Amino acid sequence: MTTLATLPEDLKLLFDRLDVTANTPALRDALEHWREARGQNVFPAAGDLDLPHARGAYDRLFVLFLSEGGQGEWELVSGGAEARALLMPSGSWPRLDKFRNEGLALRLRRLLELVREKGEPVVASFSLDDAVEHQSYELLVAPLSTTGEMVDGALCGIGTG
């Protein structure tokens, strides 16, 4: 089920597909792990996740939280090697506004806003072109909460194709 028809135009321009299912096996596994961690709660907490054991998907997963009590910038707090290689400009965990790939950061920010507003996970597909190559991506963004009442974090996953 593609949900682009019901979205604002700016999201339709950024993504080829928005859905609740993933094509990348590692992201499908991560989404299932998130659903299991949520259980009967509205949102799971990061502590409810068992990322190193998330069925082999860990290298493609990362966790973001809002700084400054939920009003600041999204910051990476953990993640696998493959996700770090795609996202980080250096050896330290950056804030979202410091990501290496600005097009990827922009799309991730819009998905984070959507997930924070709706409180449900989303999977998006899109392509980016640079001077060297054409790259296809699939992003998973699933809400997390430190209080159980509002979304202030997200389990994210990235797949390439």
N, C-alpha and C. Protein backbone atom coordinates (compact mmCIF):
# COMPACT_ATOMS: atom_id res chain seq x y z
N MET A 1 0.83 -1.17 0.00
CA MET A 1 0.00 0.00 0.00
C MET A 1 0.88 1.24 0.00
N THR A 2 0.84 2.02 -1.01
CA THR A 2 1.55 3.28 -1.08
C THR A 2 0.63 4.39 -0.62
N THR A 3 1.12 5.26 0.23
CA THR A 3 0.27 6.29 0.81
C THR A 3 0.54 7.67 0.24
N LEU A 4 1.27 7.79 -0.85
CA LEU A 4 1.61 9.09 -1.40
C LEU A 4 0.40 9.93 -1.79
N ALA A 5 -0.67 9.30 -2.21
CA ALA A 5 -1.83 10.04 -2.68
C ALA A 5 -2.46 10.90 -1.58
N THR A 6 -2.29 10.53 -0.31
CA THR A 6 -2.93 11.25 0.78
C THR A 6 -1.98 12.22 1.48
N LEU A 7 -0.78 12.40 0.96
CA LEU A 7 0.21 13.24 1.62
C LEU A 7 0.32 14.61 1.00
N PRO A 8 0.85 15.57 1.76
CA PRO A 8 1.10 16.89 1.20
C PRO A 8 2.09 16.82 0.03
N GLU A 9 1.98 17.77 -0.86
CA GLU A 9 2.80 17.79 -2.08
C GLU A 9 4.30 17.78 -1.78
N ASP A 10 4.74 18.48 -0.72
CA ASP A 10 6.17 18.52 -0.44
C ASP A 10 6.72 17.14 -0.12
N LEU A 11 5.93 16.28 0.52
CA LEU A 11 6.38 14.92 0.79
C LEU A 11 6.38 14.07 -0.48
N LYS A 12 5.40 14.30 -1.34
CA LYS A 12 5.35 13.55 -2.60
C LYS A 12 6.57 13.85 -3.47
N LEU A 13 7.09 15.06 -3.38
CA LEU A 13 8.27 15.43 -4.16
C LEU A 13 9.54 14.80 -3.61
N LEU A 14 9.58 14.51 -2.32
CA LEU A 14 10.79 13.97 -1.69
C LEU A 14 10.90 12.45 -1.77
N PHE A 15 9.76 11.76 -1.88
CA PHE A 15 9.77 10.31 -1.77
C PHE A 15 9.09 9.65 -2.96
N ASP A 16 9.59 8.47 -3.33
CA ASP A 16 8.97 7.66 -4.36
C ASP A 16 7.83 6.83 -3.77
N ARG A 17 7.98 6.46 -2.49
CA ARG A 17 6.99 5.60 -1.83
C ARG A 17 7.04 5.85 -0.33
N LEU A 18 5.89 5.98 0.29
CA LEU A 18 5.75 5.98 1.75
C LEU A 18 4.78 4.87 2.09
N ASP A 19 5.15 4.06 3.08
CA ASP A 19 4.34 2.89 3.37
C ASP A 19 4.56 2.47 4.82
N VAL A 20 3.96 1.37 5.20
CA VAL A 20 4.17 0.79 6.52
C VAL A 20 4.90 -0.54 6.44
N THR A 21 5.33 -0.92 5.25
CA THR A 21 6.10 -2.15 5.08
C THR A 21 7.41 -1.82 4.38
N ALA A 22 8.42 -2.63 4.69
CA ALA A 22 9.75 -2.42 4.12
C ALA A 22 10.06 -3.50 3.09
N ASN A 23 10.81 -3.13 2.06
CA ASN A 23 11.27 -4.10 1.07
C ASN A 23 12.60 -4.72 1.49
N THR A 24 13.45 -3.96 2.18
CA THR A 24 14.75 -4.43 2.62
C THR A 24 14.56 -5.42 3.78
N PRO A 25 15.07 -6.65 3.65
CA PRO A 25 14.86 -7.64 4.71
C PRO A 25 15.29 -7.16 6.10
N ALA A 26 16.42 -6.50 6.20
CA ALA A 26 16.90 -6.02 7.51
C ALA A 26 15.93 -5.01 8.11
N LEU A 27 15.33 -4.17 7.28
CA LEU A 27 14.38 -3.19 7.79
C LEU A 27 13.05 -3.84 8.16
N ARG A 28 12.64 -4.86 7.41
CA ARG A 28 11.44 -5.62 7.79
C ARG A 28 11.64 -6.24 9.17
N ASP A 29 12.83 -6.83 9.39
CA ASP A 29 13.13 -7.44 10.68
C ASP A 29 13.14 -6.40 11.80
N ALA A 30 13.72 -5.23 11.52
CA ALA A 30 13.78 -4.17 12.52
C ALA A 30 12.38 -3.66 12.87
N LEU A 31 11.52 -3.53 11.89
CA LEU A 31 10.15 -3.08 12.13
C LEU A 31 9.40 -4.11 12.97
N GLU A 32 9.59 -5.37 12.67
CA GLU A 32 8.96 -6.43 13.47
C GLU A 32 9.48 -6.40 14.91
N HIS A 33 10.78 -6.17 15.07
CA HIS A 33 11.38 -6.07 16.41
C HIS A 33 10.77 -4.88 17.16
N TRP A 34 10.58 -3.75 16.47
CA TRP A 34 9.96 -2.57 17.09
C TRP A 34 8.54 -2.90 17.54
N ARG A 35 7.78 -3.60 16.70
CA ARG A 35 6.40 -3.96 17.05
C ARG A 35 6.36 -4.87 18.27
N GLU A 36 7.29 -5.83 18.33
CA GLU A 36 7.37 -6.72 19.49
C GLU A 36 7.74 -5.94 20.74
N ALA A 37 8.68 -5.00 20.63
CA ALA A 37 9.11 -4.18 21.78
C ALA A 37 7.98 -3.28 22.26
N ARG A 38 7.14 -2.81 21.34
CA ARG A 38 6.03 -1.94 21.72
C ARG A 38 5.01 -2.70 22.54
N GLY A 39 4.75 -3.95 22.17
CA GLY A 39 3.75 -4.72 22.90
C GLY A 39 2.42 -4.01 22.92
N GLN A 40 1.88 -3.78 24.11
CA GLN A 40 0.60 -3.10 24.27
C GLN A 40 0.75 -1.59 24.50
N ASN A 41 2.01 -1.11 24.52
CA ASN A 41 2.25 0.32 24.73
C ASN A 41 2.01 1.10 23.44
N VAL A 42 1.75 2.39 23.59
CA VAL A 42 1.60 3.24 22.42
C VAL A 42 2.94 3.39 21.72
N PHE A 43 3.99 3.66 22.51
CA PHE A 43 5.35 3.80 21.99
C PHE A 43 6.30 3.00 22.85
N PRO A 44 7.21 2.28 22.25
CA PRO A 44 8.24 1.66 23.08
C PRO A 44 9.29 2.70 23.47
N ALA A 45 10.03 2.39 24.52
CA ALA A 45 11.19 3.19 24.89
C ALA A 45 12.42 2.55 24.25
N ALA A 46 13.48 3.31 24.10
CA ALA A 46 14.71 2.77 23.52
C ALA A 46 15.18 1.56 24.33
N GLY A 47 14.98 1.59 25.65
CA GLY A 47 15.38 0.48 26.50
C GLY A 47 14.60 -0.80 26.25
N ASP A 48 13.44 -0.69 25.60
CA ASP A 48 12.64 -1.87 25.27
C ASP A 48 13.20 -2.62 24.08
N LEU A 49 14.08 -1.96 23.32
CA LEU A 49 14.66 -2.57 22.13
C LEU A 49 15.90 -3.35 22.50
N ASP A 50 16.17 -4.40 21.75
CA ASP A 50 17.37 -5.19 21.93
C ASP A 50 18.15 -5.11 20.62
N LEU A 51 18.70 -3.92 20.33
CA LEU A 51 19.29 -3.65 19.02
C LEU A 51 20.42 -4.59 18.62
N PRO A 52 21.37 -4.89 19.49
CA PRO A 52 22.43 -5.79 19.03
C PRO A 52 21.92 -7.17 18.62
N HIS A 53 20.74 -7.52 19.04
CA HIS A 53 20.18 -8.83 18.70
C HIS A 53 18.96 -8.72 17.80
N ALA A 54 18.85 -7.62 17.08
CA ALA A 54 17.67 -7.38 16.24
C ALA A 54 17.77 -8.16 14.93
N ARG A 55 17.94 -9.46 15.07
CA ARG A 55 17.91 -10.39 13.93
C ARG A 55 18.82 -9.99 12.77
N GLY A 56 20.02 -9.57 13.06
CA GLY A 56 20.98 -9.27 12.00
C GLY A 56 20.82 -7.91 11.35
N ALA A 57 19.85 -7.12 11.78
CA ALA A 57 19.60 -5.82 11.16
C ALA A 57 20.42 -4.71 11.79
N TYR A 58 21.13 -4.98 12.88
CA TYR A 58 21.77 -3.94 13.67
C TYR A 58 22.68 -3.02 12.87
N ASP A 59 23.43 -3.53 11.94
CA ASP A 59 24.36 -2.68 11.19
C ASP A 59 23.66 -1.58 10.41
N ARG A 60 22.41 -1.76 10.10
CA ARG A 60 21.65 -0.77 9.32
C ARG A 60 20.77 0.12 10.21
N LEU A 61 20.80 -0.09 11.53
CA LEU A 61 19.90 0.63 12.44
C LEU A 61 20.63 1.74 13.17
N PHE A 62 19.86 2.78 13.55
CA PHE A 62 20.38 3.84 14.40
C PHE A 62 19.22 4.43 15.18
N VAL A 63 19.54 5.04 16.31
CA VAL A 63 18.53 5.64 17.18
C VAL A 63 18.82 7.12 17.30
N LEU A 64 17.77 7.92 17.13
CA LEU A 64 17.84 9.38 17.26
C LEU A 64 16.95 9.81 18.42
N PHE A 65 17.39 10.82 19.15
CA PHE A 65 16.55 11.45 20.16
C PHE A 65 16.66 12.95 20.03
N LEU A 66 15.58 13.63 20.38
CA LEU A 66 15.58 15.09 20.41
C LEU A 66 16.34 15.56 21.64
N SER A 67 17.22 16.52 21.46
CA SER A 67 17.93 17.11 22.60
C SER A 67 17.06 18.18 23.25
N GLU A 68 17.51 18.70 24.37
CA GLU A 68 16.87 19.83 25.06
C GLU A 68 15.39 19.59 25.35
N GLY A 69 15.09 18.47 25.97
CA GLY A 69 13.73 18.20 26.40
C GLY A 69 12.71 18.07 25.29
N GLY A 70 13.13 17.61 24.13
CA GLY A 70 12.22 17.40 23.03
C GLY A 70 12.03 18.61 22.13
N GLN A 71 12.76 19.70 22.39
CA GLN A 71 12.60 20.91 21.58
C GLN A 71 13.82 21.21 20.73
N GLY A 72 14.88 20.44 20.85
CA GLY A 72 16.13 20.74 20.15
C GLY A 72 16.30 19.98 18.86
N GLU A 73 17.53 19.71 18.52
CA GLU A 73 17.90 19.02 17.29
C GLU A 73 17.91 17.50 17.54
N TRP A 74 17.63 16.75 16.49
CA TRP A 74 17.73 15.29 16.55
C TRP A 74 19.20 14.91 16.63
N GLU A 75 19.53 14.03 17.58
CA GLU A 75 20.91 13.59 17.77
C GLU A 75 20.98 12.08 17.73
N LEU A 76 22.01 11.59 17.07
CA LEU A 76 22.25 10.15 17.04
C LEU A 76 22.80 9.72 18.39
N VAL A 77 22.22 8.66 18.95
CA VAL A 77 22.71 8.15 20.23
C VAL A 77 23.30 6.76 20.12
N SER A 78 22.98 6.03 19.06
CA SER A 78 23.59 4.72 18.83
C SER A 78 23.33 4.31 17.40
N GLY A 79 24.09 3.35 16.95
CA GLY A 79 23.87 2.86 15.60
C GLY A 79 24.90 1.87 15.15
N GLY A 80 24.56 1.12 14.12
CA GLY A 80 25.44 0.11 13.56
C GLY A 80 26.45 0.70 12.59
N ALA A 81 27.42 -0.12 12.24
CA ALA A 81 28.54 0.32 11.40
C ALA A 81 28.09 0.80 10.02
N GLU A 82 27.19 0.07 9.39
CA GLU A 82 26.75 0.46 8.05
C GLU A 82 25.99 1.79 8.07
N ALA A 83 25.15 1.97 9.07
CA ALA A 83 24.43 3.23 9.21
C ALA A 83 25.41 4.37 9.45
N ARG A 84 26.38 4.17 10.33
CA ARG A 84 27.38 5.22 10.60
C ARG A 84 28.13 5.61 9.34
N ALA A 85 28.51 4.62 8.53
CA ALA A 85 29.26 4.89 7.30
C ALA A 85 28.44 5.73 6.32
N LEU A 86 27.15 5.51 6.25
CA LEU A 86 26.29 6.27 5.34
C LEU A 86 25.95 7.67 5.86
N LEU A 87 25.94 7.85 7.19
CA LEU A 87 25.43 9.08 7.78
C LEU A 87 26.48 10.05 8.28
N MET A 88 27.55 9.54 8.83
CA MET A 88 28.47 10.38 9.59
C MET A 88 29.52 11.08 8.74
N PRO A 89 29.79 12.34 9.04
CA PRO A 89 30.87 13.04 8.36
C PRO A 89 32.23 12.77 9.00
N SER A 90 32.24 12.26 10.24
CA SER A 90 33.49 12.00 10.94
C SER A 90 33.28 10.86 11.92
N GLY A 91 34.23 10.64 12.81
CA GLY A 91 34.15 9.53 13.75
C GLY A 91 33.25 9.76 14.94
N SER A 92 32.64 10.93 15.08
CA SER A 92 31.78 11.19 16.23
C SER A 92 30.31 11.18 15.80
N TRP A 93 29.42 10.92 16.75
CA TRP A 93 27.99 10.92 16.43
C TRP A 93 27.51 12.35 16.29
N PRO A 94 27.08 12.74 15.10
CA PRO A 94 26.65 14.12 14.87
C PRO A 94 25.17 14.32 15.15
N ARG A 95 24.80 15.55 15.14
CA ARG A 95 23.40 15.92 15.10
C ARG A 95 22.93 15.78 13.66
N LEU A 96 21.62 15.69 13.48
CA LEU A 96 21.05 15.53 12.15
C LEU A 96 21.48 16.65 11.21
N ASP A 97 21.61 17.86 11.71
CA ASP A 97 22.00 18.97 10.84
C ASP A 97 23.47 18.91 10.41
N LYS A 98 24.22 17.93 10.91
CA LYS A 98 25.63 17.76 10.53
C LYS A 98 25.87 16.51 9.70
N PHE A 99 24.82 15.84 9.27
CA PHE A 99 24.98 14.63 8.47
C PHE A 99 25.74 14.91 7.18
N ARG A 100 26.45 13.92 6.71
CA ARG A 100 27.25 14.03 5.50
C ARG A 100 26.41 14.35 4.28
N ASN A 101 25.30 13.67 4.11
CA ASN A 101 24.47 13.80 2.93
C ASN A 101 23.26 14.67 3.25
N GLU A 102 23.25 15.89 2.74
CA GLU A 102 22.18 16.84 3.06
C GLU A 102 20.82 16.39 2.55
N GLY A 103 20.79 15.75 1.37
CA GLY A 103 19.51 15.25 0.83
C GLY A 103 18.92 14.16 1.70
N LEU A 104 19.77 13.29 2.19
CA LEU A 104 19.33 12.22 3.10
C LEU A 104 18.87 12.83 4.42
N ALA A 105 19.61 13.79 4.95
CA ALA A 105 19.24 14.44 6.22
C ALA A 105 17.90 15.16 6.09
N LEU A 106 17.68 15.85 4.99
CA LEU A 106 16.42 16.54 4.77
C LEU A 106 15.26 15.56 4.77
N ARG A 107 15.39 14.47 4.06
CA ARG A 107 14.31 13.48 3.98
C ARG A 107 14.08 12.81 5.33
N LEU A 108 15.16 12.51 6.03
CA LEU A 108 15.02 11.91 7.35
C LEU A 108 14.32 12.88 8.31
N ARG A 109 14.65 14.15 8.25
CA ARG A 109 14.00 15.15 9.11
C ARG A 109 12.49 15.19 8.83
N ARG A 110 12.09 15.17 7.58
CA ARG A 110 10.66 15.21 7.24
C ARG A 110 9.95 13.94 7.74
N LEU A 111 10.62 12.79 7.63
CA LEU A 111 10.02 11.56 8.15
C LEU A 111 9.91 11.60 9.67
N LEU A 112 10.91 12.14 10.33
CA LEU A 112 10.86 12.27 11.79
C LEU A 112 9.70 13.17 12.21
N GLU A 113 9.48 14.26 11.48
CA GLU A 113 8.35 15.14 11.77
C GLU A 113 7.03 14.41 11.59
N LEU A 114 6.93 13.65 10.49
CA LEU A 114 5.70 12.90 10.21
C LEU A 114 5.44 11.86 11.31
N VAL A 115 6.46 11.12 11.69
CA VAL A 115 6.31 10.09 12.71
C VAL A 115 6.01 10.72 14.07
N ARG A 116 6.62 11.83 14.36
CA ARG A 116 6.35 12.51 15.63
C ARG A 116 4.90 12.99 15.67
N GLU A 117 4.39 13.47 14.56
CA GLU A 117 3.00 13.94 14.48
C GLU A 117 2.00 12.78 14.53
N LYS A 118 2.26 11.72 13.77
CA LYS A 118 1.30 10.62 13.64
C LYS A 118 1.46 9.54 14.71
N GLY A 119 2.68 9.39 15.24
CA GLY A 119 2.92 8.37 16.26
C GLY A 119 2.97 6.96 15.74
N GLU A 120 3.17 6.79 14.45
CA GLU A 120 3.23 5.47 13.82
C GLU A 120 4.48 5.36 12.95
N PRO A 121 4.99 4.16 12.78
CA PRO A 121 6.18 3.99 11.94
C PRO A 121 5.87 4.22 10.46
N VAL A 122 6.92 4.58 9.73
CA VAL A 122 6.79 4.78 8.29
C VAL A 122 8.07 4.28 7.61
N VAL A 123 7.90 3.78 6.40
CA VAL A 123 9.02 3.36 5.56
C VAL A 123 8.93 4.16 4.27
N ALA A 124 10.04 4.75 3.86
CA ALA A 124 10.06 5.59 2.66
C ALA A 124 11.15 5.14 1.71
N SER A 125 10.86 5.22 0.43
CA SER A 125 11.84 4.93 -0.62
C SER A 125 12.07 6.19 -1.43
N PHE A 126 13.32 6.41 -1.83
CA PHE A 126 13.67 7.56 -2.65
C PHE A 126 15.03 7.34 -3.26
N SER A 127 15.38 8.17 -4.24
CA SER A 127 16.67 8.11 -4.91
C SER A 127 17.34 9.47 -4.83
N LEU A 128 18.65 9.45 -4.77
CA LEU A 128 19.45 10.68 -4.78
C LEU A 128 20.54 10.54 -5.83
N ASP A 129 20.78 11.61 -6.54
CA ASP A 129 21.86 11.65 -7.51
C ASP A 129 22.91 12.64 -7.05
N ASP A 130 24.17 12.28 -7.17
CA ASP A 130 25.24 13.23 -6.94
C ASP A 130 26.17 13.21 -8.15
N ALA A 131 27.28 13.86 -8.08
CA ALA A 131 28.19 13.95 -9.23
C ALA A 131 28.75 12.60 -9.63
N VAL A 132 28.74 11.64 -8.72
CA VAL A 132 29.38 10.35 -8.98
C VAL A 132 28.38 9.24 -9.29
N GLU A 133 27.27 9.18 -8.55
CA GLU A 133 26.38 8.02 -8.71
C GLU A 133 24.92 8.35 -8.41
N HIS A 134 24.08 7.40 -8.80
CA HIS A 134 22.65 7.41 -8.48
C HIS A 134 22.46 6.35 -7.39
N GLN A 135 21.87 6.74 -6.26
CA GLN A 135 21.71 5.81 -5.15
C GLN A 135 20.26 5.76 -4.71
N SER A 136 19.74 4.55 -4.55
CA SER A 136 18.39 4.36 -4.02
C SER A 136 18.47 4.03 -2.54
N TYR A 137 17.53 4.55 -1.78
CA TYR A 137 17.49 4.34 -0.33
C TYR A 137 16.11 3.89 0.10
N GLU A 138 16.08 3.19 1.21
CA GLU A 138 14.84 2.91 1.92
C GLU A 138 15.12 3.26 3.38
N LEU A 139 14.25 4.08 3.97
CA LEU A 139 14.39 4.52 5.36
C LEU A 139 13.21 4.02 6.18
N LEU A 140 13.51 3.49 7.34
CA LEU A 140 12.52 3.15 8.35
C LEU A 140 12.65 4.17 9.47
N VAL A 141 11.52 4.71 9.91
CA VAL A 141 11.49 5.59 11.09
C VAL A 141 10.31 5.13 11.94
N ALA A 142 10.61 4.68 13.17
CA ALA A 142 9.58 4.19 14.09
C ALA A 142 9.69 4.94 15.41
N PRO A 143 8.57 5.42 15.96
CA PRO A 143 8.62 6.28 17.14
C PRO A 143 9.09 5.58 18.40
N LEU A 144 9.82 6.34 19.23
CA LEU A 144 10.22 5.93 20.57
C LEU A 144 9.84 7.05 21.53
N SER A 145 9.72 6.70 22.80
CA SER A 145 9.35 7.70 23.80
C SER A 145 10.06 7.42 25.12
N THR A 146 10.59 8.46 25.74
CA THR A 146 11.19 8.29 27.06
C THR A 146 10.13 8.30 28.15
N THR A 147 8.98 8.91 27.88
CA THR A 147 7.92 9.02 28.89
C THR A 147 6.73 8.11 28.61
N GLY A 148 6.63 7.60 27.39
CA GLY A 148 5.47 6.82 26.99
C GLY A 148 4.30 7.66 26.55
N GLU A 149 4.47 8.99 26.58
CA GLU A 149 3.37 9.88 26.24
C GLU A 149 3.58 10.68 24.97
N MET A 150 4.84 10.96 24.61
CA MET A 150 5.11 11.74 23.40
C MET A 150 6.33 11.15 22.69
N VAL A 151 6.38 11.36 21.40
CA VAL A 151 7.50 10.87 20.60
C VAL A 151 8.66 11.86 20.74
N ASP A 152 9.75 11.38 21.32
CA ASP A 152 10.95 12.21 21.42
C ASP A 152 12.18 11.46 20.92
N GLY A 153 11.94 10.30 20.31
CA GLY A 153 13.02 9.51 19.75
C GLY A 153 12.50 8.67 18.61
N ALA A 154 13.44 8.03 17.90
CA ALA A 154 13.03 7.18 16.78
C ALA A 154 14.06 6.09 16.55
N LEU A 155 13.56 4.90 16.31
CA LEU A 155 14.38 3.80 15.80
C LEU A 155 14.37 3.99 14.28
N CYS A 156 15.53 4.10 13.70
CA CYS A 156 15.65 4.31 12.26
C CYS A 156 16.49 3.21 11.65
N GLY A 157 16.23 2.95 10.40
CA GLY A 157 17.03 1.98 9.65
C GLY A 157 17.20 2.49 8.24
N ILE A 158 18.33 2.11 7.63
CA ILE A 158 18.59 2.56 6.27
C ILE A 158 19.02 1.37 5.43
N GLY A 159 18.43 1.30 4.26
CA GLY A 159 18.81 0.30 3.28
C GLY A 159 19.18 0.99 1.99
N THR A 160 20.08 0.40 1.24
CA THR A 160 20.47 0.96 -0.05
C THR A 160 20.25 -0.07 -1.14
N GLY A 161 20.08 0.44 -2.35
CA GLY A 161 19.84 -0.49 -3.44
C GLY A 161 20.39 0.01 -4.73
